[in-house]
Amino acid sequence: MEKTKFTILGESLSGKTCYLLGMYNKMNEGINGYTIVAQDDDLDAELFEKFEKLDDESRGSGRFPVATDGVQKYLFNLNYAHKPIMPFEWIDYPGGLLREKNNADPEQYKEISSNIQDSSTLFICVDGALLVSDDIERKIRNVKRKCSMTINRYFGKYFEAGGKLPPVGIIITKFDLCVQYTNPDEIRKILEQAFSPFFVTDDTLIAVIPVSLGTYIKDDDYHGEVDPLNIHLPIFMGIWFALLEQINVYKYQIASNESSINDLKWLKDDEEDSFFLWRDDDKIRRLAGQISDKKDEIQRMKQLIKNAEENSEMFEKELNSINMLFIDGKWQ
């Protein structure tokens, strides 16, 4: 199975790493039989240790992970009943790498575009602290200057080069900080203004998902309790779209095998109809075996489709709680 990719963009300190730690811990515990585990034991230990620190209220501001400026790549398995059903890669790019002129490694800059193109879902982190104000114009300016300006400039070049946009999840982190200062209607207006190029096409799908690690976790003394809000929804969104991609791939493979069976049957019938002195019985048996193998492969693909559809139904139920969706040029 080809590895699924999810790409996440956001400025340093926007909460991408904390989101990952919270999501990984939540999915390590399991939801409806589904878990996410690191493919590497060392990574699992590292993420668990960092989450333990995050969960330790006595550490104050030291409970939070140090911001990183480099690319972070993580390999995970989505499991059901502790059995792997989807490997995926989580790729975290800090905002600085989107600034081509400041990038010392042009190949790495090109890699960003390639990974976005190959991703089942693109995630963009917006720091909820930017929405802490009673003035909507100020909030729009905050998001533009400290988040969307860099991302919009990058995607201008990305689209010029022929890049395509996968489904987008805008994750509003630290939502506990701004929840009393905003509401869904205002968030829609702010994002439409700040990320306007994303909202002017009819073929864009954008889900806006507020998340939080816990109420007042970043108050003055940093003693807030870890109590995640919506922390699983972004990864569920990504997995749901990845499952739909898998189903389409399986259907294509079924159609390809059915076409091959028709060709093989034609060759087999032609050989069987030939004069018995010239008939190649070994060829007939070989073709019959190939037809049988193709039929078995079709049955295997149909079972995989059934499994993927059953899994996608579960994730879709969870995603029904997302109330800010922009599809086909309008909010739903």
Protein backbone atom coordinates (compact mmCIF):
# COMPACT_ATOMS: atom_id res chain seq x y z
CA MET A 1 0.00 0.00 0.00
CA GLU A 2 1.35 3.44 -0.92
CA LYS A 3 2.11 5.60 2.08
CA THR A 4 -0.40 8.36 2.80
CA LYS A 5 0.89 11.87 3.50
CA PHE A 6 -0.47 14.74 5.55
CA THR A 7 1.31 18.11 5.40
CA ILE A 8 0.92 20.79 8.06
CA LEU A 9 2.04 24.42 7.67
CA GLY A 10 2.26 27.12 10.28
CA GLU A 11 4.53 29.65 11.90
CA SER A 12 6.78 28.70 14.82
CA LEU A 13 4.93 28.77 18.16
CA SER A 14 1.56 28.39 16.40
CA GLY A 15 0.92 25.15 18.28
CA LYS A 16 1.70 22.51 15.65
CA THR A 17 3.91 20.41 17.92
CA CYS A 18 1.54 20.65 20.90
CA TYR A 19 -1.31 19.63 18.62
CA LEU A 20 0.66 16.59 17.44
CA LEU A 21 1.46 15.57 21.04
CA GLY A 22 -2.17 15.90 22.10
CA MET A 23 -3.47 14.08 19.04
CA TYR A 24 -0.96 11.26 19.39
CA ASN A 25 -1.77 10.74 23.06
CA LYS A 26 -5.52 10.82 22.40
CA MET A 27 -5.24 8.34 19.53
CA ASN A 28 -2.81 6.18 21.48
CA GLU A 29 -5.60 5.69 24.02
CA GLY A 30 -7.95 4.74 21.18
CA ILE A 31 -11.28 5.96 19.81
CA ASN A 32 -13.89 3.37 18.79
CA GLY A 33 -11.17 0.74 18.40
CA TYR A 34 -8.87 2.96 16.29
CA THR A 35 -5.39 3.89 17.46
CA ILE A 36 -2.39 5.67 15.99
CA VAL A 37 1.09 4.42 16.87
CA ALA A 38 4.53 5.48 15.74
CA GLN A 39 6.23 3.03 13.40
CA ASP A 40 9.47 3.56 15.32
CA ASP A 41 9.73 2.70 19.03
CA ASP A 42 12.15 5.57 19.68
CA LEU A 43 9.67 8.07 18.20
CA ASP A 44 6.89 6.58 20.33
CA ALA A 45 9.02 6.99 23.46
CA GLU A 46 9.97 10.56 22.48
CA LEU A 47 6.37 11.66 21.88
CA PHE A 48 5.18 9.97 25.07
CA GLU A 49 7.91 11.68 27.11
CA LYS A 50 7.08 15.09 25.64
CA PHE A 51 3.38 14.61 26.35
CA GLU A 52 4.13 13.62 29.96
CA LYS A 53 5.98 16.92 30.37
CA LEU A 54 3.07 18.77 28.74
CA ASP A 55 0.70 17.06 31.16
CA ASP A 56 2.82 17.99 34.20
CA GLU A 57 1.23 21.13 35.64
CA SER A 58 4.11 21.63 38.08
CA ARG A 59 6.52 22.52 35.26
CA GLY A 60 4.89 25.85 34.50
CA SER A 61 6.01 27.25 31.14
CA GLY A 62 8.64 24.49 30.96
CA ARG A 63 5.94 21.97 30.23
CA PHE A 64 5.74 23.12 26.59
CA PRO A 65 8.08 21.73 23.89
CA VAL A 66 10.80 23.95 22.48
CA ALA A 67 9.92 25.46 19.10
CA THR A 68 11.74 23.97 16.11
CA ASP A 69 12.59 25.68 12.83
CA GLY A 70 13.36 22.57 10.80
CA VAL A 71 11.20 20.07 8.97
CA GLN A 72 9.71 17.40 11.21
CA LYS A 73 8.62 14.10 9.66
CA TYR A 74 6.80 11.37 11.55
CA LEU A 75 5.80 7.90 10.38
CA PHE A 76 2.67 6.45 11.96
CA ASN A 77 0.29 3.53 11.56
CA LEU A 78 -3.46 3.84 11.85
CA ASN A 79 -4.60 0.65 13.58
CA TYR A 80 -7.95 -0.97 14.17
CA ALA A 81 -8.11 -3.55 16.97
CA HIS A 82 -4.31 -3.11 17.17
CA LYS A 83 -3.86 -4.23 13.55
CA PRO A 84 -2.36 -1.78 10.99
CA ILE A 85 -4.81 -0.61 8.34
CA MET A 86 -3.05 2.52 7.02
CA PRO A 87 0.54 3.76 7.26
CA PHE A 88 0.93 7.52 6.95
CA GLU A 89 3.52 10.27 7.14
CA TRP A 90 2.95 13.51 9.06
CA ILE A 91 5.14 16.31 7.67
CA ASP A 92 5.48 19.56 9.63
CA TYR A 93 6.89 22.62 7.84
CA PRO A 94 7.56 25.82 9.81
CA GLY A 95 6.58 29.08 8.14
CA GLY A 96 10.19 30.12 7.61
CA LEU A 97 10.71 27.38 5.05
CA LEU A 98 7.96 28.87 2.88
CA ARG A 99 10.06 31.97 2.33
CA GLU A 100 12.09 30.99 -0.73
CA LYS A 101 14.52 33.92 -0.58
CA ASN A 102 15.53 33.02 2.98
CA ASN A 103 15.83 29.33 2.28
CA ALA A 104 19.38 27.99 2.13
CA ASP A 105 18.22 24.72 0.56
CA PRO A 106 16.21 25.22 -2.67
CA GLU A 107 15.71 21.47 -3.00
CA GLN A 108 13.96 21.43 0.35
CA TYR A 109 11.72 24.27 -0.81
CA LYS A 110 10.78 22.25 -3.90
CA GLU A 111 10.10 19.25 -1.69
CA ILE A 112 7.40 21.21 0.13
CA SER A 113 5.44 21.59 -3.10
CA SER A 114 5.89 17.94 -3.96
CA ASN A 115 4.65 16.81 -0.56
CA ILE A 116 1.63 19.12 -0.65
CA GLN A 117 0.78 17.79 -4.11
CA ASP A 118 1.00 14.21 -2.80
CA SER A 119 -0.88 14.85 0.46
CA SER A 120 -4.38 13.55 1.07
CA THR A 121 -5.01 16.65 3.20
CA LEU A 122 -3.18 19.93 3.80
CA PHE A 123 -3.40 21.40 7.28
CA ILE A 124 -2.77 25.06 8.10
CA CYS A 125 -2.29 26.09 11.72
CA VAL A 126 -3.70 29.44 12.86
CA ASP A 127 -2.70 30.47 16.38
CA GLY A 128 -5.83 31.15 18.41
CA ALA A 129 -3.90 33.82 20.33
CA LEU A 130 -4.17 35.98 17.19
CA LEU A 131 -7.94 36.11 17.72
CA VAL A 132 -7.80 37.49 21.26
CA SER A 133 -9.39 40.91 20.69
CA ASP A 134 -12.79 42.58 20.55
CA ASP A 135 -11.83 44.27 17.28
CA ILE A 136 -12.40 42.08 14.22
CA GLU A 137 -10.21 44.28 12.03
CA ARG A 138 -7.34 43.82 14.44
CA LYS A 139 -7.85 40.07 14.38
CA ILE A 140 -7.78 40.05 10.58
CA ARG A 141 -4.54 42.07 10.64
CA ASN A 142 -3.03 39.68 13.20
CA VAL A 143 -3.78 36.61 11.11
CA LYS A 144 -2.57 38.26 7.91
CA ARG A 145 0.72 39.52 9.34
CA LYS A 146 1.61 36.55 11.50
CA CYS A 147 0.25 33.66 9.45
CA SER A 148 -1.48 34.04 6.11
CA MET A 149 0.88 36.53 4.44
CA THR A 150 3.66 33.94 4.23
CA ILE A 151 1.31 31.13 3.24
CA ASN A 152 -0.50 33.18 0.57
CA ARG A 153 2.79 34.28 -1.00
CA TYR A 154 3.99 30.70 -1.13
CA PHE A 155 0.78 29.39 -2.70
CA GLY A 156 0.83 32.11 -5.33
CA LYS A 157 4.04 30.54 -6.65
CA TYR A 158 2.72 27.03 -6.00
CA PHE A 159 -0.32 27.57 -8.24
CA GLU A 160 1.74 29.35 -10.91
CA ALA A 161 3.82 26.17 -11.15
CA GLY A 162 0.66 24.09 -11.70
CA GLY A 163 0.21 22.83 -8.16
CA LYS A 164 -3.16 21.50 -7.08
CA LEU A 165 -4.77 22.02 -3.71
CA PRO A 166 -5.84 18.95 -1.71
CA PRO A 167 -8.64 19.25 0.84
CA VAL A 168 -7.61 21.83 3.44
CA GLY A 169 -8.06 21.71 7.20
CA ILE A 170 -7.51 25.05 8.96
CA ILE A 171 -6.69 24.18 12.56
CA ILE A 172 -7.26 27.00 15.03
CA THR A 173 -4.98 26.06 17.90
CA LYS A 174 -5.20 27.29 21.53
CA PHE A 175 -8.91 27.87 21.00
CA ASP A 176 -9.45 28.15 24.75
CA LEU A 177 -7.64 31.52 24.59
CA CYS A 178 -9.99 33.09 22.04
CA VAL A 179 -13.31 31.29 22.45
CA GLN A 180 -14.81 34.18 24.45
CA TYR A 181 -13.64 36.70 21.83
CA THR A 182 -15.10 35.15 18.70
CA ASN A 183 -17.78 32.96 17.14
CA PRO A 184 -18.14 30.79 14.00
CA ASP A 185 -19.56 33.60 11.84
CA GLU A 186 -16.70 35.90 12.73
CA ILE A 187 -14.09 33.16 12.21
CA ARG A 188 -15.45 32.60 8.71
CA LYS A 189 -15.10 36.33 7.93
CA ILE A 190 -11.58 36.51 9.35
CA LEU A 191 -10.36 33.49 7.40
CA GLU A 192 -12.01 34.64 4.17
CA GLN A 193 -10.18 37.96 4.50
CA ALA A 194 -6.85 36.51 5.60
CA PHE A 195 -6.77 33.58 3.16
CA SER A 196 -8.89 35.11 0.39
CA PRO A 197 -7.15 33.24 -2.51
CA PHE A 198 -8.32 29.95 -0.99
CA PHE A 199 -11.96 31.03 -0.92
CA VAL A 200 -12.53 32.33 -4.46
CA THR A 201 -12.60 29.03 -6.37
CA ASP A 202 -15.47 26.61 -6.73
CA ASP A 203 -13.37 23.46 -6.38
CA THR A 204 -11.99 24.08 -2.88
CA LEU A 205 -12.88 22.13 0.24
CA ILE A 206 -11.91 23.77 3.50
CA ALA A 207 -12.78 22.58 7.00
CA VAL A 208 -12.15 24.91 9.92
CA ILE A 209 -11.47 23.02 13.14
CA PRO A 210 -10.88 24.79 16.49
CA VAL A 211 -8.76 22.67 18.84
CA SER A 212 -7.44 23.07 22.34
CA LEU A 213 -5.25 21.07 24.71
CA GLY A 214 -7.20 22.37 27.67
CA THR A 215 -8.88 25.42 29.14
CA TYR A 216 -6.44 27.97 30.55
CA ILE A 217 -3.51 25.63 29.94
CA LYS A 218 -1.55 28.74 28.97
CA ASP A 219 -2.83 31.13 31.62
CA ASP A 220 -0.49 33.29 33.70
CA ASP A 221 0.99 30.41 35.72
CA TYR A 222 0.66 27.72 33.00
CA HIS A 223 -1.06 25.37 35.46
CA GLY A 224 -4.11 24.60 33.33
CA GLU A 225 -5.13 20.95 33.05
CA VAL A 226 -4.74 19.04 29.79
CA ASP A 227 -8.31 18.45 28.62
CA PRO A 228 -8.33 18.18 24.80
CA LEU A 229 -11.06 19.70 22.62
CA ASN A 230 -11.60 18.38 19.06
CA ILE A 231 -8.00 17.19 19.05
CA HIS A 232 -8.85 14.08 17.01
CA LEU A 233 -10.93 15.78 14.29
CA PRO A 234 -8.14 17.04 12.00
CA ILE A 235 -6.44 13.65 11.77
CA PHE A 236 -9.85 11.99 11.30
CA MET A 237 -10.47 14.37 8.41
CA GLY A 238 -7.15 13.46 6.83
CA ILE A 239 -7.73 9.74 7.26
CA TRP A 240 -11.24 10.00 5.81
CA PHE A 241 -9.95 11.59 2.61
CA ALA A 242 -7.10 9.08 2.45
CA LEU A 243 -9.64 6.24 2.67
CA LEU A 244 -11.65 7.76 -0.19
CA GLU A 245 -8.44 7.88 -2.24
CA GLN A 246 -7.77 4.24 -1.43
CA ILE A 247 -11.27 3.24 -2.53
CA ASN A 248 -10.78 5.01 -5.87
CA VAL A 249 -7.43 3.29 -6.37
CA TYR A 250 -8.97 -0.11 -5.63
CA LYS A 251 -11.82 0.57 -8.08
CA TYR A 252 -9.32 1.53 -10.76
CA GLN A 253 -7.36 -1.67 -10.11
CA ILE A 254 -10.57 -3.73 -10.36
CA ALA A 255 -11.42 -2.12 -13.71
CA SER A 256 -7.86 -2.74 -14.93
CA ASN A 257 -8.01 -6.41 -13.89
CA GLU A 258 -11.41 -6.86 -15.53
CA SER A 259 -10.00 -5.46 -18.76
CA SER A 260 -7.03 -7.82 -18.50
CA ILE A 261 -9.38 -10.78 -17.92
CA ASN A 262 -11.28 -9.95 -21.10
CA ASP A 263 -8.01 -9.88 -23.06
CA LEU A 264 -6.83 -13.14 -21.51
CA LYS A 265 -10.17 -14.81 -22.19
CA TRP A 266 -9.97 -13.75 -25.84
CA LEU A 267 -6.49 -15.29 -26.12
CA LYS A 268 -7.60 -18.45 -24.32
CA ASP A 269 -10.75 -18.86 -26.47
CA ASP A 270 -8.72 -18.27 -29.62
CA GLU A 271 -6.23 -20.96 -28.62
CA GLU A 272 -9.00 -23.41 -27.66
CA ASP A 273 -10.70 -22.86 -31.05
CA SER A 274 -7.51 -23.60 -33.00
CA PHE A 275 -7.00 -26.91 -34.83
CA PHE A 276 -6.16 -29.61 -32.26
CA LEU A 277 -2.79 -30.44 -33.88
CA TRP A 278 -1.66 -26.84 -33.40
CA ARG A 279 -3.40 -26.18 -30.10
CA ASP A 280 -1.03 -25.28 -27.25
CA ASP A 281 -2.55 -26.85 -24.12
CA ASP A 282 0.19 -25.43 -21.89
CA LYS A 283 -0.68 -21.93 -23.10
CA ILE A 284 -4.38 -22.55 -22.40
CA ARG A 285 -3.58 -23.71 -18.85
CA ARG A 286 -1.26 -20.73 -18.32
CA LEU A 287 -3.93 -18.29 -19.51
CA ALA A 288 -6.55 -19.99 -17.35
CA GLY A 289 -4.24 -19.60 -14.35
CA GLN A 290 -3.71 -15.93 -15.09
CA ILE A 291 -7.46 -15.40 -15.38
CA SER A 292 -7.97 -17.15 -12.06
CA ASP A 293 -5.28 -15.00 -10.41
CA LYS A 294 -6.90 -11.83 -11.75
CA LYS A 295 -10.29 -12.91 -10.43
CA ASP A 296 -8.76 -13.60 -7.01
CA GLU A 297 -7.17 -10.15 -7.07
CA ILE A 298 -10.55 -8.58 -7.89
CA GLN A 299 -12.14 -10.33 -4.94
CA ARG A 300 -9.31 -9.12 -2.71
CA MET A 301 -9.80 -5.56 -3.97
CA LYS A 302 -13.55 -5.76 -3.34
CA GLN A 303 -12.89 -6.84 0.25
CA LEU A 304 -10.45 -3.96 0.69
CA ILE A 305 -13.10 -1.57 -0.64
CA LYS A 306 -15.62 -2.97 1.82
CA ASN A 307 -13.16 -2.55 4.70
CA ALA A 308 -12.26 1.00 3.64
CA GLU A 309 -15.93 1.96 3.28
CA GLU A 310 -16.71 0.61 6.76
CA ASN A 311 -13.78 2.54 8.23
CA SER A 312 -14.69 5.73 6.36
CA GLU A 313 -18.26 5.57 7.69
CA MET A 314 -16.97 5.66 11.27
CA PHE A 315 -14.71 8.64 10.61
CA GLU A 316 -17.45 10.44 8.71
CA LYS A 317 -19.77 10.18 11.73
CA GLU A 318 -17.17 11.89 13.89
CA LEU A 319 -16.60 14.59 11.27
CA ASN A 320 -20.27 15.56 11.31
CA SER A 321 -19.46 17.71 14.34
CA ILE A 322 -17.41 20.10 12.17
CA ASN A 323 -19.69 23.12 11.68
CA MET A 324 -17.45 25.32 9.51
CA LEU A 325 -17.16 23.82 6.03
CA PHE A 326 -16.47 25.67 2.79
CA ILE A 327 -17.37 23.51 -0.23
CA ASP A 328 -17.86 24.43 -3.88
CA GLY A 329 -17.58 28.15 -3.30
CA LYS A 330 -19.85 28.54 -0.27
CA TRP A 331 -20.12 27.83 3.44
CA GLN A 332 -22.26 24.86 4.31
